[in-house]
Amino acid sequence: MGIDDIKESALMAFDTLRANKLRSSLTILGVSVGVITIIFMVSIIQGLNKAFADQVESLGSNTIFISKFEPSFGRPPGPEEIHRKDLTMDDAEALRREAPSIAGVSPIHRMIAVTARYQDKQTDTPILLGVTPYYEFVHTQYVARGRFINRWEISSASRAITLFSFLSAPSTNITRTVPFQK
């Protein structure tokens, strides 16, 4: 294939583009939209992957979770799991006392979709976590303003609650510790 053949092929291609302007412009538009869509989807997927990796990394390589239920998503616990003994605060204290290599133990009791009231306000969709003061350190979720619950409130069974607002970035959580009434 010589240089003359390449020139002739290029001239024929330009003549075809000029003769079929609408078809040529629609083809260029379709290819452009396809490429932009692929770039957009790849960037979204990479962003989600990075966000997920950051969340997993924030737990650290030395964090383990112990539960009476097997890990699962969307599967209700089986009868054997339901009848297992609940983990208690004594179990958490035993881990803290008997395993000195453990940096922190943070027991959590989770309640979902219960009614919570404060003065004249009510919500039926909170996620309530019963935690100890160790929660901040173990989960690296620190209070930006106000304060977290303390040991005195735990030991005296004080009715206090720390409210988190996750409307902003987690590093700027707005919290308040207020009296709690059943």
N, C-alpha and C. Protein backbone atom coordinates (compact mmCIF):
# COMPACT_ATOMS: atom_id res chain seq x y z
N MET A 1 0.86 -1.16 0.00
CA MET A 1 0.00 0.00 0.00
C MET A 1 0.91 1.23 0.00
N GLY A 2 0.77 2.03 -1.04
CA GLY A 2 1.64 3.19 -1.20
C GLY A 2 1.01 4.45 -0.63
N ILE A 3 1.77 5.52 -0.72
CA ILE A 3 1.31 6.81 -0.18
C ILE A 3 0.12 7.33 -0.99
N ASP A 4 0.09 7.00 -2.29
CA ASP A 4 -1.03 7.43 -3.14
C ASP A 4 -2.33 6.75 -2.71
N ASP A 5 -2.24 5.47 -2.32
CA ASP A 5 -3.44 4.75 -1.87
C ASP A 5 -3.98 5.36 -0.57
N ILE A 6 -3.09 5.75 0.34
CA ILE A 6 -3.50 6.36 1.60
C ILE A 6 -4.18 7.70 1.34
N LYS A 7 -3.62 8.52 0.41
CA LYS A 7 -4.22 9.81 0.07
C LYS A 7 -5.61 9.61 -0.53
N GLU A 8 -5.72 8.62 -1.42
CA GLU A 8 -7.00 8.37 -2.06
C GLU A 8 -8.05 7.92 -1.04
N SER A 9 -7.66 7.06 -0.08
CA SER A 9 -8.59 6.59 0.95
C SER A 9 -9.04 7.75 1.84
N ALA A 10 -8.12 8.64 2.18
CA ALA A 10 -8.46 9.79 3.01
C ALA A 10 -9.42 10.72 2.28
N LEU A 11 -9.18 10.97 0.99
CA LEU A 11 -10.08 11.83 0.20
C LEU A 11 -11.47 11.23 0.10
N MET A 12 -11.55 9.91 -0.09
CA MET A 12 -12.86 9.25 -0.16
C MET A 12 -13.59 9.36 1.18
N ALA A 13 -12.86 9.23 2.27
CA ALA A 13 -13.48 9.33 3.59
C ALA A 13 -14.04 10.73 3.82
N PHE A 14 -13.26 11.77 3.46
CA PHE A 14 -13.75 13.15 3.64
C PHE A 14 -14.94 13.43 2.73
N ASP A 15 -14.94 12.90 1.51
CA ASP A 15 -16.08 13.08 0.61
C ASP A 15 -17.34 12.43 1.19
N THR A 16 -17.18 11.24 1.78
CA THR A 16 -18.31 10.55 2.39
C THR A 16 -18.85 11.34 3.58
N LEU A 17 -17.93 11.92 4.40
CA LEU A 17 -18.36 12.72 5.55
C LEU A 17 -19.15 13.95 5.09
N ARG A 18 -18.69 14.61 4.02
CA ARG A 18 -19.38 15.79 3.52
C ARG A 18 -20.74 15.43 2.93
N ALA A 19 -20.82 14.29 2.28
CA ALA A 19 -22.08 13.89 1.64
C ALA A 19 -23.12 13.47 2.69
N ASN A 20 -22.69 12.91 3.79
CA ASN A 20 -23.62 12.41 4.82
C ASN A 20 -23.37 13.13 6.14
N LYS A 21 -23.62 14.42 6.18
CA LYS A 21 -23.31 15.23 7.36
C LYS A 21 -24.12 14.81 8.59
N LEU A 22 -25.40 14.56 8.44
CA LEU A 22 -26.24 14.20 9.58
C LEU A 22 -25.79 12.87 10.18
N ARG A 23 -25.61 11.88 9.32
CA ARG A 23 -25.18 10.56 9.81
C ARG A 23 -23.81 10.66 10.48
N SER A 24 -22.91 11.43 9.92
CA SER A 24 -21.56 11.59 10.48
C SER A 24 -21.62 12.27 11.84
N SER A 25 -22.43 13.35 11.94
CA SER A 25 -22.50 14.05 13.22
C SER A 25 -23.20 13.21 14.28
N LEU A 26 -24.21 12.41 13.92
CA LEU A 26 -24.86 11.53 14.89
C LEU A 26 -23.90 10.43 15.37
N THR A 27 -23.08 9.93 14.46
CA THR A 27 -22.10 8.91 14.85
C THR A 27 -21.08 9.49 15.82
N ILE A 28 -20.59 10.69 15.52
CA ILE A 28 -19.62 11.35 16.41
C ILE A 28 -20.28 11.62 17.77
N LEU A 29 -21.53 12.08 17.78
CA LEU A 29 -22.25 12.32 19.03
C LEU A 29 -22.40 11.03 19.84
N GLY A 30 -22.77 9.95 19.18
CA GLY A 30 -22.95 8.66 19.87
C GLY A 30 -21.66 8.16 20.48
N VAL A 31 -20.57 8.25 19.74
CA VAL A 31 -19.28 7.82 20.26
C VAL A 31 -18.87 8.69 21.45
N SER A 32 -19.08 10.00 21.33
CA SER A 32 -18.71 10.92 22.42
C SER A 32 -19.51 10.62 23.68
N VAL A 33 -20.83 10.43 23.54
CA VAL A 33 -21.67 10.12 24.70
C VAL A 33 -21.23 8.81 25.33
N GLY A 34 -20.92 7.82 24.53
CA GLY A 34 -20.47 6.52 25.05
C GLY A 34 -19.17 6.64 25.83
N VAL A 35 -18.22 7.38 25.30
CA VAL A 35 -16.93 7.54 25.98
C VAL A 35 -17.11 8.31 27.29
N ILE A 36 -17.91 9.38 27.26
CA ILE A 36 -18.15 10.17 28.47
C ILE A 36 -18.85 9.33 29.54
N THR A 37 -19.81 8.50 29.12
CA THR A 37 -20.52 7.64 30.07
C THR A 37 -19.57 6.64 30.72
N ILE A 38 -18.70 6.04 29.93
CA ILE A 38 -17.74 5.07 30.48
C ILE A 38 -16.80 5.76 31.47
N ILE A 39 -16.30 6.94 31.12
CA ILE A 39 -15.41 7.69 32.02
C ILE A 39 -16.14 8.02 33.32
N PHE A 40 -17.40 8.46 33.22
CA PHE A 40 -18.20 8.80 34.38
C PHE A 40 -18.40 7.58 35.29
N MET A 41 -18.77 6.45 34.71
CA MET A 41 -19.00 5.23 35.50
C MET A 41 -17.72 4.75 36.16
N VAL A 42 -16.60 4.80 35.45
CA VAL A 42 -15.33 4.36 36.03
C VAL A 42 -14.96 5.26 37.21
N SER A 43 -15.17 6.57 37.07
CA SER A 43 -14.82 7.48 38.18
C SER A 43 -15.72 7.24 39.39
N ILE A 44 -17.00 6.97 39.18
CA ILE A 44 -17.91 6.67 40.30
C ILE A 44 -17.47 5.39 41.00
N ILE A 45 -17.16 4.35 40.24
CA ILE A 45 -16.76 3.07 40.82
C ILE A 45 -15.45 3.23 41.60
N GLN A 46 -14.50 3.97 41.04
CA GLN A 46 -13.23 4.17 41.74
C GLN A 46 -13.45 4.97 43.04
N GLY A 47 -14.34 5.96 42.99
CA GLY A 47 -14.64 6.73 44.20
C GLY A 47 -15.28 5.86 45.28
N LEU A 48 -16.23 5.00 44.90
CA LEU A 48 -16.86 4.11 45.86
C LEU A 48 -15.85 3.11 46.43
N ASN A 49 -14.98 2.58 45.57
CA ASN A 49 -13.94 1.65 46.04
C ASN A 49 -13.03 2.33 47.05
N LYS A 50 -12.64 3.58 46.77
CA LYS A 50 -11.76 4.30 47.68
C LYS A 50 -12.46 4.58 49.01
N ALA A 51 -13.73 4.99 48.95
CA ALA A 51 -14.47 5.25 50.18
C ALA A 51 -14.59 3.98 51.03
N PHE A 52 -14.87 2.86 50.39
CA PHE A 52 -14.98 1.59 51.11
C PHE A 52 -13.64 1.20 51.71
N ALA A 53 -12.57 1.33 50.92
CA ALA A 53 -11.23 1.00 51.41
C ALA A 53 -10.84 1.89 52.59
N ASP A 54 -11.19 3.17 52.53
CA ASP A 54 -10.90 4.09 53.64
C ASP A 54 -11.63 3.67 54.91
N GLN A 55 -12.90 3.24 54.76
CA GLN A 55 -13.66 2.80 55.94
C GLN A 55 -13.04 1.55 56.55
N VAL A 56 -12.64 0.60 55.70
CA VAL A 56 -12.02 -0.62 56.22
C VAL A 56 -10.68 -0.29 56.87
N GLU A 57 -9.90 0.59 56.25
CA GLU A 57 -8.60 0.97 56.82
C GLU A 57 -8.77 1.70 58.15
N SER A 58 -9.86 2.46 58.31
CA SER A 58 -10.05 3.19 59.56
C SER A 58 -10.26 2.24 60.74
N LEU A 59 -10.73 1.02 60.46
CA LEU A 59 -10.87 0.04 61.52
C LEU A 59 -9.51 -0.46 61.99
N GLY A 60 -8.54 -0.44 61.09
CA GLY A 60 -7.20 -0.91 61.44
C GLY A 60 -7.08 -2.41 61.24
N SER A 61 -5.84 -2.84 61.14
CA SER A 61 -5.60 -4.27 60.92
C SER A 61 -5.69 -5.05 62.22
N ASN A 62 -5.84 -4.36 63.34
CA ASN A 62 -5.86 -5.05 64.62
C ASN A 62 -7.23 -4.97 65.29
N THR A 63 -8.28 -4.79 64.52
CA THR A 63 -9.62 -4.69 65.08
C THR A 63 -10.40 -5.95 64.75
N ILE A 64 -11.02 -6.55 65.77
CA ILE A 64 -11.90 -7.69 65.53
C ILE A 64 -13.24 -7.40 66.22
N PHE A 65 -14.28 -7.98 65.68
CA PHE A 65 -15.62 -7.83 66.24
C PHE A 65 -16.09 -9.20 66.71
N ILE A 66 -16.65 -9.25 67.90
CA ILE A 66 -17.17 -10.49 68.45
C ILE A 66 -18.66 -10.31 68.66
N SER A 67 -19.43 -11.27 68.15
CA SER A 67 -20.89 -11.20 68.25
C SER A 67 -21.43 -12.59 68.49
N LYS A 68 -22.61 -12.66 69.06
CA LYS A 68 -23.23 -13.97 69.24
C LYS A 68 -23.82 -14.47 67.91
N PHE A 69 -23.97 -13.56 66.94
CA PHE A 69 -24.52 -13.94 65.64
C PHE A 69 -23.40 -14.05 64.61
N GLU A 70 -23.57 -14.95 63.65
CA GLU A 70 -22.61 -15.06 62.56
C GLU A 70 -22.76 -13.85 61.65
N PRO A 71 -21.66 -13.39 61.05
CA PRO A 71 -21.76 -12.24 60.14
C PRO A 71 -22.64 -12.60 58.93
N SER A 72 -23.57 -11.73 58.60
CA SER A 72 -24.43 -11.95 57.44
C SER A 72 -25.07 -10.64 57.04
N PHE A 73 -25.52 -10.59 55.81
CA PHE A 73 -26.23 -9.42 55.30
C PHE A 73 -27.59 -9.87 54.81
N GLY A 74 -28.64 -9.41 55.48
CA GLY A 74 -30.00 -9.69 55.02
C GLY A 74 -30.53 -11.05 55.42
N ARG A 75 -29.75 -11.84 56.14
CA ARG A 75 -30.20 -13.16 56.57
C ARG A 75 -30.57 -13.10 58.04
N PRO A 76 -31.79 -13.50 58.39
CA PRO A 76 -32.15 -13.49 59.81
C PRO A 76 -31.35 -14.58 60.55
N PRO A 77 -31.08 -14.36 61.84
CA PRO A 77 -30.35 -15.37 62.59
C PRO A 77 -31.14 -16.66 62.72
N GLY A 78 -30.43 -17.77 62.71
CA GLY A 78 -31.07 -19.07 62.84
C GLY A 78 -31.43 -19.36 64.28
N PRO A 79 -32.19 -20.44 64.51
CA PRO A 79 -32.63 -20.77 65.88
C PRO A 79 -31.45 -21.01 66.83
N GLU A 80 -30.38 -21.63 66.33
CA GLU A 80 -29.21 -21.91 67.18
C GLU A 80 -28.55 -20.60 67.60
N GLU A 81 -28.47 -19.64 66.68
CA GLU A 81 -27.85 -18.35 67.00
C GLU A 81 -28.70 -17.57 68.01
N ILE A 82 -30.00 -17.61 67.85
CA ILE A 82 -30.90 -16.87 68.74
C ILE A 82 -30.78 -17.38 70.18
N HIS A 83 -30.57 -18.68 70.34
CA HIS A 83 -30.54 -19.27 71.68
C HIS A 83 -29.15 -19.23 72.32
N ARG A 84 -28.16 -18.67 71.66
CA ARG A 84 -26.85 -18.50 72.29
C ARG A 84 -26.95 -17.48 73.41
N LYS A 85 -26.07 -17.63 74.40
CA LYS A 85 -26.04 -16.68 75.50
C LYS A 85 -25.63 -15.31 74.98
N ASP A 86 -26.25 -14.25 75.50
CA ASP A 86 -25.84 -12.89 75.14
C ASP A 86 -24.47 -12.59 75.74
N LEU A 87 -23.70 -11.79 75.02
CA LEU A 87 -22.44 -11.31 75.58
C LEU A 87 -22.76 -10.21 76.58
N THR A 88 -22.03 -10.15 77.66
CA THR A 88 -22.35 -9.20 78.73
C THR A 88 -21.20 -8.22 78.95
N MET A 89 -21.45 -7.22 79.79
CA MET A 89 -20.39 -6.29 80.18
C MET A 89 -19.29 -7.04 80.93
N ASP A 90 -19.66 -8.08 81.66
CA ASP A 90 -18.64 -8.88 82.36
C ASP A 90 -17.70 -9.56 81.37
N ASP A 91 -18.25 -10.01 80.22
CA ASP A 91 -17.40 -10.60 79.18
C ASP A 91 -16.41 -9.57 78.65
N ALA A 92 -16.87 -8.34 78.43
CA ALA A 92 -15.99 -7.28 77.94
C ALA A 92 -14.91 -6.96 78.97
N GLU A 93 -15.30 -6.90 80.25
CA GLU A 93 -14.33 -6.62 81.30
C GLU A 93 -13.32 -7.75 81.42
N ALA A 94 -13.77 -8.99 81.24
CA ALA A 94 -12.86 -10.14 81.29
C ALA A 94 -11.85 -10.07 80.16
N LEU A 95 -12.29 -9.71 78.96
CA LEU A 95 -11.35 -9.53 77.84
C LEU A 95 -10.33 -8.45 78.16
N ARG A 96 -10.80 -7.34 78.69
CA ARG A 96 -9.92 -6.21 79.01
C ARG A 96 -8.91 -6.62 80.09
N ARG A 97 -9.36 -7.38 81.07
CA ARG A 97 -8.52 -7.75 82.22
C ARG A 97 -7.56 -8.90 81.88
N GLU A 98 -8.05 -9.90 81.16
CA GLU A 98 -7.28 -11.13 80.93
C GLU A 98 -6.37 -11.09 79.71
N ALA A 99 -6.58 -10.14 78.82
CA ALA A 99 -5.75 -10.07 77.60
C ALA A 99 -5.08 -8.70 77.55
N PRO A 100 -3.92 -8.56 78.18
CA PRO A 100 -3.28 -7.24 78.25
C PRO A 100 -2.81 -6.71 76.89
N SER A 101 -2.70 -7.58 75.89
CA SER A 101 -2.27 -7.11 74.57
C SER A 101 -3.39 -6.41 73.81
N ILE A 102 -4.61 -6.50 74.30
CA ILE A 102 -5.73 -5.83 73.65
C ILE A 102 -5.71 -4.36 74.05
N ALA A 103 -5.66 -3.48 73.05
CA ALA A 103 -5.58 -2.04 73.32
C ALA A 103 -6.90 -1.48 73.82
N GLY A 104 -8.02 -1.99 73.37
CA GLY A 104 -9.30 -1.45 73.78
C GLY A 104 -10.43 -2.44 73.51
N VAL A 105 -11.41 -2.45 74.39
CA VAL A 105 -12.60 -3.29 74.25
C VAL A 105 -13.80 -2.36 74.31
N SER A 106 -14.67 -2.44 73.31
CA SER A 106 -15.81 -1.55 73.24
C SER A 106 -17.09 -2.34 73.00
N PRO A 107 -17.79 -2.73 74.07
CA PRO A 107 -19.06 -3.44 73.86
C PRO A 107 -20.12 -2.48 73.30
N ILE A 108 -20.95 -3.02 72.42
CA ILE A 108 -22.01 -2.24 71.78
C ILE A 108 -23.31 -3.02 71.88
N HIS A 109 -24.37 -2.35 72.28
CA HIS A 109 -25.71 -2.93 72.22
C HIS A 109 -26.51 -2.07 71.25
N ARG A 110 -26.98 -2.68 70.17
CA ARG A 110 -27.64 -1.92 69.10
C ARG A 110 -29.14 -2.19 69.11
N MET A 111 -29.91 -1.11 68.97
CA MET A 111 -31.36 -1.21 68.84
C MET A 111 -31.76 -0.38 67.62
N ILE A 112 -32.55 -0.98 66.74
CA ILE A 112 -32.95 -0.32 65.50
C ILE A 112 -34.47 -0.18 65.48
N ALA A 113 -34.94 0.95 64.99
CA ALA A 113 -36.37 1.21 64.80
C ALA A 113 -37.18 1.11 66.10
N VAL A 114 -36.71 1.79 67.12
CA VAL A 114 -37.47 1.92 68.35
C VAL A 114 -37.91 3.37 68.47
N THR A 115 -38.86 3.64 69.33
CA THR A 115 -39.32 5.02 69.49
C THR A 115 -38.45 5.72 70.53
N ALA A 116 -37.93 6.87 70.15
CA ALA A 116 -37.13 7.68 71.07
C ALA A 116 -37.82 9.03 71.24
N ARG A 117 -37.92 9.48 72.51
CA ARG A 117 -38.58 10.75 72.80
C ARG A 117 -37.67 11.62 73.64
N TYR A 118 -37.74 12.93 73.40
CA TYR A 118 -37.08 13.91 74.25
C TYR A 118 -37.95 15.15 74.26
N GLN A 119 -38.46 15.50 75.43
CA GLN A 119 -39.39 16.60 75.60
C GLN A 119 -40.56 16.42 74.63
N ASP A 120 -40.78 17.34 73.69
CA ASP A 120 -41.92 17.21 72.78
C ASP A 120 -41.52 16.61 71.43
N LYS A 121 -40.29 16.12 71.30
CA LYS A 121 -39.80 15.54 70.04
C LYS A 121 -39.86 14.02 70.11
N GLN A 122 -40.13 13.40 68.96
CA GLN A 122 -40.19 11.94 68.90
C GLN A 122 -39.72 11.48 67.53
N THR A 123 -39.04 10.33 67.50
CA THR A 123 -38.68 9.70 66.23
C THR A 123 -38.85 8.19 66.37
N ASP A 124 -39.27 7.56 65.28
CA ASP A 124 -39.47 6.11 65.28
C ASP A 124 -38.38 5.39 64.49
N THR A 125 -37.39 6.11 63.99
CA THR A 125 -36.37 5.48 63.14
C THR A 125 -34.94 5.73 63.59
N PRO A 126 -34.68 5.81 64.88
CA PRO A 126 -33.28 6.02 65.27
C PRO A 126 -32.50 4.70 65.24
N ILE A 127 -31.22 4.80 65.21
CA ILE A 127 -30.35 3.66 65.47
C ILE A 127 -29.68 3.97 66.80
N LEU A 128 -30.04 3.21 67.82
CA LEU A 128 -29.52 3.46 69.16
C LEU A 128 -28.38 2.50 69.45
N LEU A 129 -27.26 3.04 69.91
CA LEU A 129 -26.12 2.24 70.29
C LEU A 129 -25.85 2.45 71.77
N GLY A 130 -25.88 1.39 72.53
CA GLY A 130 -25.45 1.45 73.92
C GLY A 130 -23.96 1.18 73.93
N VAL A 131 -23.16 2.14 74.35
CA VAL A 131 -21.71 2.01 74.30
C VAL A 131 -21.09 2.44 75.62
N THR A 132 -19.79 2.22 75.72
CA THR A 132 -19.02 2.67 76.88
C THR A 132 -18.08 3.78 76.42
N PRO A 133 -17.42 4.44 77.35
CA PRO A 133 -16.48 5.50 76.95
C PRO A 133 -15.35 5.01 76.04
N TYR A 134 -15.08 3.71 76.02
CA TYR A 134 -14.03 3.16 75.16
C TYR A 134 -14.39 3.24 73.67
N TYR A 135 -15.67 3.42 73.37
CA TYR A 135 -16.14 3.45 71.98
C TYR A 135 -15.38 4.47 71.14
N GLU A 136 -15.17 5.65 71.70
CA GLU A 136 -14.47 6.72 70.96
C GLU A 136 -13.11 6.25 70.48
N PHE A 137 -12.34 5.66 71.38
CA PHE A 137 -10.97 5.25 71.06
C PHE A 137 -10.95 4.06 70.10
N VAL A 138 -11.72 3.02 70.41
CA VAL A 138 -11.68 1.79 69.62
C VAL A 138 -12.18 2.03 68.20
N HIS A 139 -13.21 2.85 68.04
CA HIS A 139 -13.80 3.07 66.72
C HIS A 139 -13.29 4.35 66.06
N THR A 140 -12.38 5.03 66.69
CA THR A 140 -11.80 6.29 66.20
C THR A 140 -12.88 7.25 65.70
N GLN A 141 -13.92 7.41 66.49
CA GLN A 141 -14.99 8.37 66.20
C GLN A 141 -15.05 9.33 67.36
N TYR A 142 -14.35 10.44 67.23
CA TYR A 142 -14.23 11.39 68.32
C TYR A 142 -15.24 12.52 68.19
N VAL A 143 -15.59 13.09 69.31
CA VAL A 143 -16.55 14.19 69.38
C VAL A 143 -15.84 15.48 69.00
N ALA A 144 -16.42 16.23 68.05
CA ALA A 144 -15.82 17.50 67.63
C ALA A 144 -16.21 18.62 68.57
N ARG A 145 -17.48 18.64 69.01
CA ARG A 145 -17.96 19.66 69.96
C ARG A 145 -18.72 18.95 71.06
N GLY A 146 -18.64 19.49 72.25
CA GLY A 146 -19.33 18.85 73.38
C GLY A 146 -18.44 17.77 73.96
N ARG A 147 -19.05 16.72 74.50
CA ARG A 147 -18.27 15.64 75.10
C ARG A 147 -18.99 14.31 74.91
N PHE A 148 -18.22 13.26 75.06
CA PHE A 148 -18.76 11.91 74.97
C PHE A 148 -19.16 11.47 76.38
N ILE A 149 -19.88 10.37 76.48
CA ILE A 149 -20.24 9.85 77.79
C ILE A 149 -18.96 9.48 78.54
N ASN A 150 -19.02 9.48 79.87
CA ASN A 150 -17.81 9.19 80.65
C ASN A 150 -18.05 8.01 81.59
N ARG A 151 -16.99 7.58 82.27
CA ARG A 151 -17.06 6.42 83.16
C ARG A 151 -18.04 6.63 84.32
N TRP A 152 -18.10 7.85 84.84
CA TRP A 152 -19.00 8.13 85.94
C TRP A 152 -20.45 7.86 85.53
N GLU A 153 -20.82 8.28 84.33
CA GLU A 153 -22.20 8.06 83.86
C GLU A 153 -22.49 6.57 83.70
N ILE A 154 -21.49 5.80 83.32
CA ILE A 154 -21.68 4.35 83.18
C ILE A 154 -21.78 3.72 84.58
N SER A 155 -20.84 4.03 85.46
CA SER A 155 -20.82 3.38 86.78
C SER A 155 -22.02 3.77 87.64
N SER A 156 -22.54 4.97 87.46
CA SER A 156 -23.69 5.40 88.26
C SER A 156 -25.01 5.12 87.55
N ALA A 157 -24.95 4.46 86.40
CA ALA A 157 -26.15 4.16 85.61
C ALA A 157 -26.94 5.43 85.35
N SER A 158 -26.21 6.50 85.07
CA SER A 158 -26.84 7.79 84.80
C SER A 158 -27.65 7.71 83.51
N ARG A 159 -28.75 8.41 83.48
CA ARG A 159 -29.58 8.44 82.27
C ARG A 159 -29.11 9.59 81.40
N ALA A 160 -28.07 9.34 80.62
CA ALA A 160 -27.54 10.34 79.70
C ALA A 160 -27.38 9.71 78.34
N ILE A 161 -27.44 10.53 77.32
CA ILE A 161 -27.32 10.04 75.95
C ILE A 161 -26.49 11.04 75.16
N THR A 162 -25.63 10.54 74.29
CA THR A 162 -24.85 11.40 73.41
C THR A 162 -25.51 11.34 72.05
N LEU A 163 -25.93 12.48 71.54
CA LEU A 163 -26.62 12.54 70.26
C LEU A 163 -25.61 12.85 69.16
N PHE A 164 -25.61 12.07 68.11
CA PHE A 164 -24.74 12.30 66.97
C PHE A 164 -25.57 12.79 65.81
N SER A 165 -25.05 13.74 65.09
CA SER A 165 -25.68 14.19 63.86
C SER A 165 -24.72 13.87 62.73
N PHE A 166 -25.09 12.95 61.85
CA PHE A 166 -24.23 12.56 60.75
C PHE A 166 -24.60 13.28 59.47
N LEU A 167 -25.13 14.50 59.59
CA LEU A 167 -25.48 15.28 58.41
C LEU A 167 -24.24 15.89 57.78
N SER A 168 -23.16 15.97 58.52
CA SER A 168 -21.91 16.51 58.01
C SER A 168 -20.86 15.42 58.04
N ALA A 169 -19.65 15.75 57.68
CA ALA A 169 -18.56 14.78 57.69
C ALA A 169 -18.38 14.22 59.10
N PRO A 170 -18.02 12.93 59.23
CA PRO A 170 -17.88 12.34 60.56
C PRO A 170 -16.89 13.08 61.46
N SER A 171 -15.91 13.75 60.89
CA SER A 171 -14.93 14.44 61.72
C SER A 171 -15.53 15.69 62.37
N THR A 172 -16.72 16.12 61.91
CA THR A 172 -17.35 17.31 62.48
C THR A 172 -18.69 16.96 63.11
N ASN A 173 -18.78 15.76 63.71
CA ASN A 173 -20.03 15.34 64.35
C ASN A 173 -20.45 16.36 65.40
N ILE A 174 -21.71 16.71 65.38
CA ILE A 174 -22.27 17.59 66.40
C ILE A 174 -22.86 16.68 67.46
N THR A 175 -22.42 16.81 68.68
CA THR A 175 -22.92 15.93 69.73
C THR A 175 -23.37 16.74 70.92
N ARG A 176 -24.31 16.17 71.66
CA ARG A 176 -24.75 16.75 72.93
C ARG A 176 -25.02 15.59 73.86
N THR A 177 -24.64 15.72 75.09
CA THR A 177 -25.02 14.75 76.10
C THR A 177 -26.14 15.37 76.91
N VAL A 178 -27.30 14.71 76.88
CA VAL A 178 -28.50 15.29 77.51
C VAL A 178 -29.12 14.24 78.44
N PRO A 179 -29.94 14.67 79.39
CA PRO A 179 -30.65 13.72 80.24
C PRO A 179 -31.54 12.81 79.38
N PHE A 180 -31.61 11.55 79.73
CA PHE A 180 -32.38 10.57 78.95
C PHE A 180 -33.49 10.02 79.81
N GLN A 181 -34.71 10.00 79.25
CA GLN A 181 -35.85 9.44 79.97
C GLN A 181 -36.47 8.35 79.15
N LYS A 182 -36.84 7.28 79.79
CA LYS A 182 -37.49 6.18 79.07
C LYS A 182 -38.86 6.59 78.57
